[in-house]
PDB file of N, CA and C in Angstrom:
ATOM      1  N   UNK A   1      14.483  25.788  14.942  1.00  0.00           N
ATOM      2  CA  UNK A   1      13.325  26.170  14.309  1.00  0.00           C
ATOM      3  C   UNK A   1      14.237  26.111  12.272  1.00  0.00           C
ATOM      4  N   UNK A   2      15.071  26.894  12.292  1.00  0.00           N
ATOM      5  CA  UNK A   2      15.756  27.108  11.310  1.00  0.00           C
ATOM      6  C   UNK A   2      16.565  25.832  10.805  1.00  0.00           C
ATOM      7  N   UNK A   3      17.011  24.848  11.905  1.00  0.00           N
ATOM      8  CA  UNK A   3      17.242  23.709  11.242  1.00  0.00           C
ATOM      9  C   UNK A   3      16.437  22.123  10.924  1.00  0.00           C
ATOM     10  N   UNK A   4      15.067  23.260  10.935  1.00  0.00           N
ATOM     11  CA  UNK A   4      14.191  21.932  10.890  1.00  0.00           C
ATOM     12  C   UNK A   4      13.756  22.199   9.798  1.00  0.00           C
ATOM     13  N   UNK A   5      14.056  22.876   8.975  1.00  0.00           N
ATOM     14  CA  UNK A   5      13.468  23.870   7.896  1.00  0.00           C
ATOM     15  C   UNK A   5      14.512  23.334   6.628  1.00  0.00           C
ATOM     16  N   UNK A   6      15.772  23.286   7.336  1.00  0.00           N
ATOM     17  CA  UNK A   6      16.901  23.313   6.298  1.00  0.00           C
ATOM     18  C   UNK A   6      17.536  21.373   5.990  1.00  0.00           C
ATOM     19  N   UNK A   7      16.008  21.018   7.649  1.00  0.00           N
ATOM     20  CA  UNK A   7      16.547  19.153   6.930  1.00  0.00           C
ATOM     21  C   UNK A   7      15.525  18.977   6.480  1.00  0.00           C
ATOM     22  N   UNK A   8      14.435  19.099   6.841  1.00  0.00           N
ATOM     23  CA  UNK A   8      13.106  19.092   5.770  1.00  0.00           C
ATOM     24  C   UNK A   8      13.245  19.882   3.953  1.00  0.00           C
ATOM     25  N   UNK A   9      13.978  20.419   3.407  1.00  0.00           N
ATOM     26  CA  UNK A   9      13.978  21.292   3.072  1.00  0.00           C
ATOM     27  C   UNK A   9      15.100  20.023   2.052  1.00  0.00           C
ATOM     28  N   UNK A  10      15.413  19.851   2.519  1.00  0.00           N
ATOM     29  CA  UNK A  10      16.877  18.064   2.152  1.00  0.00           C
ATOM     30  C   UNK A  10      16.260  17.464   1.811  1.00  0.00           C
ATOM     31  N   UNK A  11      15.278  16.537   2.738  1.00  0.00           N
ATOM     32  CA  UNK A  11      14.553  15.398   2.512  1.00  0.00           C
ATOM     33  C   UNK A  11      13.955  16.048   1.434  1.00  0.00           C
ATOM     34  N   UNK A  12      13.471  16.464   0.992  1.00  0.00           N
ATOM     35  CA  UNK A  12      12.219  16.983  -0.182  1.00  0.00           C
ATOM     36  C   UNK A  12      13.273  16.653  -1.830  1.00  0.00           C
ATOM     37  N   UNK A  13      14.650  17.681  -1.600  1.00  0.00           N
ATOM     38  CA  UNK A  13      15.028  17.856  -2.542  1.00  0.00           C
ATOM     39  C   UNK A  13      15.548  16.261  -3.081  1.00  0.00           C
ATOM     40  N   UNK A  14      16.458  15.075  -2.139  1.00  0.00           N
ATOM     41  CA  UNK A  14      16.478  14.692  -2.223  1.00  0.00           C
ATOM     42  C   UNK A  14      15.604  12.946  -2.222  1.00  0.00           C
ATOM     43  N   UNK A  15      14.544  13.305  -2.078  1.00  0.00           N
ATOM     44  CA  UNK A  15      13.014  12.923  -2.364  1.00  0.00           C
ATOM     45  C   UNK A  15      12.867  13.287  -3.871  1.00  0.00           C
ATOM     46  N   UNK A  16      12.497  14.277  -4.288  1.00  0.00           N
ATOM     47  CA  UNK A  16      12.562  14.741  -6.052  1.00  0.00           C
ATOM     48  C   UNK A  16      14.077  14.164  -6.833  1.00  0.00           C
ATOM     49  N   UNK A  17      14.701  14.084  -6.463  1.00  0.00           N
ATOM     50  CA  UNK A  17      16.112  13.716  -7.420  1.00  0.00           C
ATOM     51  C   UNK A  17      15.733  12.454  -7.503  1.00  0.00           C
ATOM     52  N   UNK A  18      15.594  11.721  -6.480  1.00  0.00           N
ATOM     53  CA  UNK A  18      14.994  10.453  -6.590  1.00  0.00           C
ATOM     54  C   UNK A  18      14.175   9.988  -7.461  1.00  0.00           C
ATOM     55  N   UNK A  19      13.058  10.527  -7.819  1.00  0.00           N
ATOM     56  CA  UNK A  19      12.507  11.231  -8.408  1.00  0.00           C
ATOM     57  C   UNK A  19      12.524  11.055 -10.021  1.00  0.00           C
ATOM     58  N   UNK A  20      13.191  11.969  -9.918  1.00  0.00           N
ATOM     59  CA  UNK A  20      13.213  12.200 -11.207  1.00  0.00           C
ATOM     60  C   UNK A  20      14.782  11.334 -11.845  1.00  0.00           C
ATOM     61  N   UNK A  21      15.779  10.570 -10.836  1.00  0.00           N
ATOM     62  CA  UNK A  21      16.523   9.104 -11.595  1.00  0.00           C
ATOM     63  C   UNK A  21      15.805   8.734 -12.337  1.00  0.00           C
ATOM     64  N   UNK A  22      14.719   7.927 -11.741  1.00  0.00           N
ATOM     65  CA  UNK A  22      14.506   6.152 -11.943  1.00  0.00           C
ATOM     66  C   UNK A  22      13.222   6.781 -12.994  1.00  0.00           C
ATOM     67  N   UNK A  23      12.669   7.799 -13.000  1.00  0.00           N
ATOM     68  CA  UNK A  23      11.626   8.190 -14.161  1.00  0.00           C
ATOM     69  C   UNK A  23      12.313   8.219 -15.576  1.00  0.00           C
ATOM     70  N   UNK A  24      13.467   7.795 -16.436  1.00  0.00           N
ATOM     71  CA  UNK A  24      13.667   8.609 -17.452  1.00  0.00           C
ATOM     72  C   UNK A  24      12.497   7.937 -18.759  1.00  0.00           C
ATOM     73  N   UNK A  25      11.887   7.278 -18.969  1.00  0.00           N
ATOM     74  CA  UNK A  25      11.089   7.046 -20.170  1.00  0.00           C
ATOM     75  C   UNK A  25      10.240   8.324 -20.211  1.00  0.00           C
ATOM     76  N   UNK A  26       9.996   8.449 -22.241  1.00  0.00           N
ATOM     77  CA  UNK A  26       9.440   9.201 -22.993  1.00  0.00           C
ATOM     78  C   UNK A  26       8.114   9.390 -22.495  1.00  0.00           C
ATOM     79  N   UNK A  27       7.392  10.354 -21.934  1.00  0.00           N
ATOM     80  CA  UNK A  27       5.432  10.623 -21.767  1.00  0.00           C
ATOM     81  C   UNK A  27       5.402  11.560 -22.758  1.00  0.00           C
ATOM     82  N   UNK A  28       4.653  11.678 -22.794  1.00  0.00           N
ATOM     83  CA  UNK A  28       3.492  12.811 -23.727  1.00  0.00           C
ATOM     84  C   UNK A  28       2.544  13.675 -23.136  1.00  0.00           C
ATOM     85  N   UNK A  29       3.098  14.739 -23.189  1.00  0.00           N
ATOM     86  CA  UNK A  29       2.080  16.011 -22.556  1.00  0.00           C
ATOM     87  C   UNK A  29       1.563  16.867 -22.703  1.00  0.00           C
ATOM     88  N   UNK A  30      -0.304  17.128 -22.102  1.00  0.00           N
ATOM     89  CA  UNK A  30      -1.417  17.802 -23.100  1.00  0.00           C
ATOM     90  C   UNK A  30      -0.432  19.770 -23.109  1.00  0.00           C
ATOM     91  N   UNK A  31       0.322  20.342 -22.975  1.00  0.00           N
ATOM     92  CA  UNK A  31       0.022  21.746 -22.418  1.00  0.00           C
ATOM     93  C   UNK A  31      -1.075  22.716 -23.362  1.00  0.00           C
ATOM     94  N   UNK A  32      -2.170  22.942 -23.470  1.00  0.00           N
ATOM     95  CA  UNK A  32      -3.446  23.756 -24.288  1.00  0.00           C
ATOM     96  C   UNK A  32      -3.656  23.309 -25.681  1.00  0.00           C
ATOM     97  N   UNK A  33      -2.820  23.533 -26.254  1.00  0.00           N
ATOM     98  CA  UNK A  33      -2.803  22.921 -27.805  1.00  0.00           C
ATOM     99  C   UNK A  33      -1.766  22.257 -27.978  1.00  0.00           C
ATOM    100  N   UNK A  34      -0.813  22.249 -27.471  1.00  0.00           N
ATOM    101  CA  UNK A  34      -0.272  21.232 -28.181  1.00  0.00           C
ATOM    102  C   UNK A  34       0.675  19.785 -27.400  1.00  0.00           C
ATOM    103  N   UNK A  35       1.038  19.140 -28.037  1.00  0.00           N
ATOM    104  CA  UNK A  35       1.213  18.418 -27.386  1.00  0.00           C
ATOM    105  C   UNK A  35       3.018  18.029 -27.342  1.00  0.00           C
ATOM    106  N   UNK A  36       3.608  17.622 -26.355  1.00  0.00           N
ATOM    107  CA  UNK A  36       4.672  17.467 -26.330  1.00  0.00           C
ATOM    108  C   UNK A  36       5.075  16.214 -25.417  1.00  0.00           C
ATOM    109  N   UNK A  37       5.930  15.838 -25.920  1.00  0.00           N
ATOM    110  CA  UNK A  37       7.091  14.641 -25.213  1.00  0.00           C
ATOM    111  C   UNK A  37       8.611  14.933 -25.073  1.00  0.00           C
ATOM    112  N   UNK A  38       8.822  14.506 -23.390  1.00  0.00           N
ATOM    113  CA  UNK A  38       9.799  14.621 -22.570  1.00  0.00           C
ATOM    114  C   UNK A  38      10.003  13.679 -22.161  1.00  0.00           C
ATOM    115  N   UNK A  39      10.670  13.395 -21.692  1.00  0.00           N
ATOM    116  CA  UNK A  39      11.754  12.659 -20.719  1.00  0.00           C
ATOM    117  C   UNK A  39      10.422  12.850 -19.215  1.00  0.00           C
ATOM    118  N   UNK A  40       9.644  11.665 -18.820  1.00  0.00           N
ATOM    119  CA  UNK A  40       9.402  11.780 -17.384  1.00  0.00           C
ATOM    120  C   UNK A  40       9.598  12.664 -16.174  1.00  0.00           C
ATOM    121  N   UNK A  41      11.333  12.227 -16.228  1.00  0.00           N
ATOM    122  CA  UNK A  41      12.443  12.723 -14.840  1.00  0.00           C
ATOM    123  C   UNK A  41      11.857  14.873 -15.329  1.00  0.00           C
ATOM    124  N   UNK A  42      11.816  15.090 -16.778  1.00  0.00           N
ATOM    125  CA  UNK A  42      11.488  16.517 -16.749  1.00  0.00           C
ATOM    126  C   UNK A  42      10.831  17.161 -16.633  1.00  0.00           C
ATOM    127  N   UNK A  43       9.642  16.705 -16.509  1.00  0.00           N
ATOM    128  CA  UNK A  43       8.615  16.874 -16.400  1.00  0.00           C
ATOM    129  C   UNK A  43       8.457  16.904 -14.595  1.00  0.00           C
ATOM    130  N   UNK A  44       8.519  15.960 -14.255  1.00  0.00           N
ATOM    131  CA  UNK A  44       8.503  16.094 -12.642  1.00  0.00           C
ATOM    132  C   UNK A  44       9.650  17.177 -11.973  1.00  0.00           C
ATOM    133  N   UNK A  45      10.748  16.846 -12.806  1.00  0.00           N
ATOM    134  CA  UNK A  45      11.680  18.628 -11.746  1.00  0.00           C
ATOM    135  C   UNK A  45      10.909  19.993 -12.470  1.00  0.00           C
ATOM    136  N   UNK A  46      10.223  19.989 -13.523  1.00  0.00           N
ATOM    137  CA  UNK A  46       9.199  21.336 -14.066  1.00  0.00           C
ATOM    138  C   UNK A  46       8.291  21.140 -13.183  1.00  0.00           C
ATOM    139  N   UNK A  47       7.471  20.057 -12.225  1.00  0.00           N
ATOM    140  CA  UNK A  47       6.303  20.778 -11.791  1.00  0.00           C
ATOM    141  C   UNK A  47       6.864  21.298 -10.644  1.00  0.00           C
ATOM    142  N   UNK A  48       7.782  20.006 -10.070  1.00  0.00           N
ATOM    143  CA  UNK A  48       8.727  20.205  -8.033  1.00  0.00           C
ATOM    144  C   UNK A  48       9.877  21.930  -8.024  1.00  0.00           C
ATOM    145  N   UNK A  49      10.321  21.921  -9.368  1.00  0.00           N
ATOM    146  CA  UNK A  49      10.146  23.897  -9.573  1.00  0.00           C
ATOM    147  C   UNK A  49       9.294  24.676  -9.346  1.00  0.00           C
ATOM    148  N   UNK A  50       8.439  24.330 -10.384  1.00  0.00           N
ATOM    149  CA  UNK A  50       6.979  25.083 -10.289  1.00  0.00           C
ATOM    150  C   UNK A  50       6.330  25.720  -9.000  1.00  0.00           C
ATOM    151  N   UNK A  51       6.587  24.287  -8.059  1.00  0.00           N
ATOM    152  CA  UNK A  51       5.847  24.485  -7.347  1.00  0.00           C
ATOM    153  C   UNK A  51       6.655  25.018  -5.559  1.00  0.00           C
ATOM    154  N   UNK A  52       7.885  25.338  -5.923  1.00  0.00           N
ATOM    155  CA  UNK A  52       8.908  25.486  -4.757  1.00  0.00           C
ATOM    156  C   UNK A  52       9.024  26.969  -6.046  1.00  0.00           C
ATOM    157  N   UNK A  53       8.880  27.923  -6.711  1.00  0.00           N
ATOM    158  CA  UNK A  53       8.951  28.802  -6.392  1.00  0.00           C
ATOM    159  C   UNK A  53       7.159  29.947  -6.782  1.00  0.00           C
ATOM    160  N   UNK A  54       6.191  28.615  -6.622  1.00  0.00           N
ATOM    161  CA  UNK A  54       4.563  29.401  -6.394  1.00  0.00           C
ATOM    162  C   UNK A  54       4.818  29.571  -4.471  1.00  0.00           C
ATOM    163  N   UNK A  55       5.524  28.054  -3.959  1.00  0.00           N
ATOM    164  CA  UNK A  55       5.435  28.159  -2.423  1.00  0.00           C
ATOM    165  C   UNK A  55       6.225  29.458  -1.667  1.00  0.00           C
ATOM    166  N   UNK A  56       7.742  29.707  -2.643  1.00  0.00           N
ATOM    167  CA  UNK A  56       7.919  31.138  -2.292  1.00  0.00           C
ATOM    168  C   UNK A  56       6.805  32.401  -2.233  1.00  0.00           C
ATOM    169  N   UNK A  57       7.530  32.545  -3.891  1.00  0.00           N
ATOM    170  CA  UNK A  57       6.107  34.089  -3.511  1.00  0.00           C
ATOM    171  C   UNK A  57       4.983  33.724  -2.929  1.00  0.00           C
ATOM    172  N   UNK A  58       4.172  33.035  -2.579  1.00  0.00           N
ATOM    173  CA  UNK A  58       3.039  32.503  -1.412  1.00  0.00           C
ATOM    174  C   UNK A  58       3.711  33.502  -0.339  1.00  0.00           C
ATOM    175  N   UNK A  59       4.775  32.483  -0.334  1.00  0.00           N
ATOM    176  CA  UNK A  59       5.508  33.075   1.911  1.00  0.00           C
ATOM    177  C   UNK A  59       6.061  34.308   1.408  1.00  0.00           C
ATOM    178  N   UNK A  60       6.642  35.358   0.548  1.00  0.00           N
ATOM    179  CA  UNK A  60       7.016  36.382   1.039  1.00  0.00           C
ATOM    180  C   UNK A  60       5.593  37.549  -0.038  1.00  0.00           C
ATOM    181  N   UNK A  61       4.590  37.349  -0.220  1.00  0.00           N
ATOM    182  CA  UNK A  61       3.614  37.672  -0.670  1.00  0.00           C
ATOM    183  C   UNK A  61       2.584  37.653   0.836  1.00  0.00           C
ATOM    184  N   UNK A  62       2.370  37.062   2.152  1.00  0.00           N
ATOM    185  CA  UNK A  62       1.929  36.609   3.012  1.00  0.00           C
ATOM    186  C   UNK A  62       2.840  38.010   3.962  1.00  0.00           C
ATOM    187  N   UNK A  63       3.841  37.453   4.037  1.00  0.00           N
ATOM    188  CA  UNK A  63       4.886  37.873   4.854  1.00  0.00           C
ATOM    189  C   UNK A  63       4.939  39.681   4.283  1.00  0.00           C
ATOM    190  N   UNK A  64       4.361  40.037   3.400  1.00  0.00           N
ATOM    191  CA  UNK A  64       4.720  41.332   2.851  1.00  0.00           C
ATOM    192  C   UNK A  64       3.615  42.077   3.859  1.00  0.00           C
ATOM    193  N   UNK A  65       2.506  41.303   3.600  1.00  0.00           N
ATOM    194  CA  UNK A  65       0.869  41.525   4.104  1.00  0.00           C
ATOM    195  C   UNK A  65       1.248  41.713   5.706  1.00  0.00           C
ATOM    196  N   UNK A  66       1.819  40.593   6.507  1.00  0.00           N
ATOM    197  CA  UNK A  66       1.584  41.536   7.517  1.00  0.00           C
ATOM    198  C   UNK A  66       2.224  42.200   8.440  1.00  0.00           C
ATOM    199  N   UNK A  67       3.713  42.652   7.042  1.00  0.00           N
ATOM    200  CA  UNK A  67       3.805  43.971   7.814  1.00  0.00           C
ATOM    201  C   UNK A  67       3.673  45.364   7.291  1.00  0.00           C
ATOM    202  N   UNK A  68       2.445  44.706   6.301  1.00  0.00           N
ATOM    203  CA  UNK A  68       1.910  46.087   6.296  1.00  0.00           C
ATOM    204  C   UNK A  68       0.730  46.188   7.393  1.00  0.00           C
ATOM    205  N   UNK A  69       0.219  45.214   7.852  1.00  0.00           N
ATOM    206  CA  UNK A  69      -0.844  45.810   8.696  1.00  0.00           C
ATOM    207  C   UNK A  69      -0.430  46.292   9.720  1.00  0.00           C
ATOM    208  N   UNK A  70       1.093  45.776  10.353  1.00  0.00           N
ATOM    209  CA  UNK A  70       1.127  46.407  11.768  1.00  0.00           C
ATOM    210  C   UNK A  70       2.656  48.209  10.992  1.00  0.00           C
TER     211      UNK A  70
END
């Protein structure tokens, strides 16, 4: 099971890497009250990193709740 998680994570990292390399044109992004111009690759990387961090935090939260119930 641990190898399956490692393989899945590796595949996802490779796919995000391919997306980042292929999308280098600049794009304007509206963040609340500001407009930021950045390469599309940076936006994809930031989004993927934020999703990863949120997933890890959610998993840690659920594990701690399970331990407290027992």
